[in-house]
Amino acid sequence: MEDGTSRSLGYCGDTDSEARQWDTRADCEVRQILDRIADKWSLLVIALLDQCPMRFTELRREVDGISQRMLSKTLRCLERDGLVSRTVHATVPPRVDYALTPMGQTLHATIRALVTWTEEHRQQIAEARDAYDRRIAAEKEAAAQEAAERDEIARRVLAR
């Protein structure tokens, strides 16, 4: 086996002294957790619950575009992962509050750091995107020009 090559596809260990590869299999816990906390609905719910505990209907109003079913599923998954707590109050009608757990609060601090990084680098990212888009457009234009030139040469050859 070559240096830096993992033992098997999807191996969760080090591939060399510096790089670390996460298991790409669907049953890898690290991947499952990252998929859960990084999806767009979970991030929004976590950000909203950091401000204060909220009821289901309040969350649904605040999370633009989420269906009742998706919000319910997102909250259940976050509760299962220990990031959100669900408190049922014995009232008529029943009142249910959702809040971040202490572990969920530590995750929000991490998300906040990511948002801060994004805000600090927003302009650089926009410039990189513009440069990329211009480069790709120029490459497509050059390829189209080359194809047109080849077609013209082919027409001339066939016309003889």
Protein backbone atom coordinates (compact mmCIF):
# COMPACT_ATOMS: atom_id res chain seq x y z
CA MET A 1 0.00 0.00 0.00
CA GLU A 2 1.32 3.47 -0.90
CA ASP A 3 2.05 6.04 1.77
CA GLY A 4 -1.01 8.19 2.40
CA THR A 5 -3.45 5.61 1.01
CA SER A 6 -6.27 4.57 3.29
CA ARG A 7 -6.74 0.91 4.22
CA SER A 8 -10.16 0.71 2.57
CA LEU A 9 -12.71 2.90 0.87
CA GLY A 10 -14.31 5.11 3.46
CA TYR A 11 -11.76 4.33 6.17
CA CYS A 12 -12.33 6.70 9.09
CA GLY A 13 -8.68 6.89 10.21
CA ASP A 14 -5.70 8.97 9.19
CA THR A 15 -4.53 8.64 5.61
CA ASP A 16 -1.23 10.25 6.53
CA SER A 17 0.16 12.22 9.44
CA GLU A 18 -1.65 15.45 8.49
CA ALA A 19 -4.85 14.53 6.63
CA ARG A 20 -7.94 12.94 8.16
CA GLN A 21 -10.70 11.42 6.05
CA TRP A 22 -14.20 10.95 7.39
CA ASP A 23 -16.05 7.82 6.54
CA THR A 24 -18.16 8.38 3.45
CA ARG A 25 -20.49 5.49 4.21
CA ALA A 26 -24.03 6.47 5.15
CA ASP A 27 -23.75 4.75 8.56
CA CYS A 28 -20.76 6.81 9.79
CA GLU A 29 -21.83 8.75 12.89
CA VAL A 30 -19.61 11.75 12.14
CA ARG A 31 -21.16 12.15 8.72
CA GLN A 32 -24.67 11.71 10.09
CA ILE A 33 -24.11 14.34 12.77
CA LEU A 34 -22.57 16.80 10.31
CA ASP A 35 -25.42 16.21 7.85
CA ARG A 36 -27.94 16.91 10.62
CA ILE A 37 -26.44 20.06 12.07
CA ALA A 38 -25.37 21.53 8.74
CA ASP A 39 -28.71 21.32 6.95
CA LYS A 40 -30.40 24.65 6.33
CA TRP A 41 -33.39 24.07 8.62
CA SER A 42 -31.35 22.91 11.61
CA LEU A 43 -29.03 25.90 11.38
CA LEU A 44 -31.97 28.31 11.33
CA VAL A 45 -33.74 26.58 14.23
CA ILE A 46 -30.56 26.54 16.32
CA ALA A 47 -29.96 30.24 15.61
CA LEU A 48 -33.52 31.16 16.58
CA LEU A 49 -33.53 29.07 19.76
CA ASP A 50 -30.29 30.71 20.89
CA GLN A 51 -32.25 33.93 21.38
CA CYS A 52 -34.93 32.37 23.61
CA PRO A 53 -37.13 29.29 23.98
CA MET A 54 -39.91 29.25 21.40
CA ARG A 55 -43.15 27.48 20.69
CA PHE A 56 -43.63 25.42 17.54
CA THR A 57 -45.89 28.02 15.92
CA GLU A 58 -43.40 30.80 16.67
CA LEU A 59 -40.61 28.82 15.05
CA ARG A 60 -42.78 28.08 12.02
CA ARG A 61 -43.53 31.79 11.59
CA GLU A 62 -39.86 32.73 11.89
CA VAL A 63 -38.38 30.04 9.60
CA ASP A 64 -39.42 31.25 6.17
CA GLY A 65 -40.35 28.47 3.76
CA ILE A 66 -40.37 25.52 6.16
CA SER A 67 -43.37 23.20 6.18
CA GLN A 68 -44.98 22.03 9.39
CA ARG A 69 -43.82 18.48 8.64
CA MET A 70 -40.21 19.53 8.04
CA LEU A 71 -40.08 21.69 11.17
CA SER A 72 -41.49 18.81 13.22
CA LYS A 73 -38.93 16.40 11.76
CA THR A 74 -36.07 18.87 12.29
CA LEU A 75 -37.04 19.46 15.92
CA ARG A 76 -37.34 15.71 16.59
CA CYS A 77 -33.89 15.07 15.13
CA LEU A 78 -32.31 17.93 17.08
CA GLU A 79 -34.00 16.68 20.24
CA ARG A 80 -32.79 13.13 19.57
CA ASP A 81 -29.23 14.43 19.12
CA GLY A 82 -29.46 16.24 22.48
CA LEU A 83 -29.28 19.74 20.98
CA VAL A 84 -32.86 20.83 21.68
CA SER A 85 -35.09 20.20 24.67
CA ARG A 86 -38.86 19.89 24.43
CA THR A 87 -40.99 20.93 27.39
CA VAL A 88 -44.71 20.13 27.45
CA HIS A 89 -46.82 22.32 29.75
CA ALA A 90 -50.04 20.81 31.13
CA THR A 91 -52.42 23.49 29.88
CA VAL A 92 -55.44 23.48 27.61
CA PRO A 93 -54.50 23.52 24.81
CA PRO A 94 -51.13 21.91 25.58
CA ARG A 95 -48.17 24.24 25.27
CA VAL A 96 -44.83 22.94 24.02
CA ASP A 97 -41.64 24.97 24.27
CA TYR A 98 -38.36 24.22 22.51
CA ALA A 99 -35.00 25.45 23.79
CA LEU A 100 -31.35 24.78 23.16
CA THR A 101 -29.70 22.40 25.58
CA PRO A 102 -26.27 23.36 26.98
CA MET A 103 -24.70 21.23 24.22
CA GLY A 104 -26.87 23.01 21.64
CA GLN A 105 -25.65 26.34 23.00
CA THR A 106 -22.03 25.29 22.45
CA LEU A 107 -22.94 24.35 18.87
CA HIS A 108 -24.48 27.78 18.36
CA ALA A 109 -21.19 29.36 19.41
CA THR A 110 -19.50 27.35 16.67
CA ILE A 111 -22.13 28.37 14.13
CA ARG A 112 -21.71 31.99 15.18
CA ALA A 113 -17.96 31.71 14.52
CA LEU A 114 -18.72 30.33 11.05
CA VAL A 115 -21.14 33.19 10.36
CA THR A 116 -18.53 35.70 11.55
CA TRP A 117 -15.94 34.14 9.23
CA THR A 118 -18.42 34.33 6.36
CA GLU A 119 -19.17 37.98 7.03
CA GLU A 120 -15.46 38.82 7.22
CA HIS A 121 -14.73 37.05 3.91
CA ARG A 122 -17.95 37.86 2.04
CA GLN A 123 -16.28 40.40 -0.27
CA GLN A 124 -13.35 38.09 -1.06
CA ILE A 125 -15.75 35.26 -1.83
CA ALA A 126 -17.82 37.52 -4.12
CA GLU A 127 -14.64 38.60 -5.94
CA ALA A 128 -13.49 34.98 -6.29
CA ARG A 129 -16.90 33.98 -7.68
CA ASP A 130 -16.83 36.85 -10.18
CA ALA A 131 -13.31 35.94 -11.30
CA TYR A 132 -14.30 32.29 -11.66
CA ASP A 133 -17.43 33.15 -13.63
CA ARG A 134 -15.44 35.44 -15.96
CA ARG A 135 -12.79 32.75 -16.47
CA ILE A 136 -15.36 30.06 -17.24
CA ALA A 137 -17.21 32.38 -19.64
CA ALA A 138 -13.92 33.21 -21.41
CA GLU A 139 -13.05 29.49 -21.65
CA LYS A 140 -16.47 28.72 -23.13
CA GLU A 141 -16.09 31.58 -25.59
CA ALA A 142 -12.61 30.37 -26.61
CA ALA A 143 -13.91 26.81 -27.03
CA ALA A 144 -16.81 28.04 -29.15
CA GLN A 145 -14.41 30.12 -31.27
CA GLU A 146 -12.12 27.11 -31.76
CA ALA A 147 -15.07 24.93 -32.75
CA ALA A 148 -16.24 27.56 -35.24
CA GLU A 149 -12.74 27.76 -36.73
CA ARG A 150 -12.56 23.94 -37.04
CA ASP A 151 -15.98 23.90 -38.69
CA GLU A 152 -14.86 26.56 -41.15
CA ILE A 153 -11.72 24.58 -41.99
CA ALA A 154 -13.80 21.43 -42.46
CA ARG A 155 -16.20 23.28 -44.79
CA ARG A 156 -13.28 24.58 -46.88
CA VAL A 157 -11.74 21.11 -47.13
CA LEU A 158 -15.05 19.55 -48.14
CA ALA A 159 -15.73 22.33 -50.65
CA ARG A 160 -12.55 21.50 -52.65
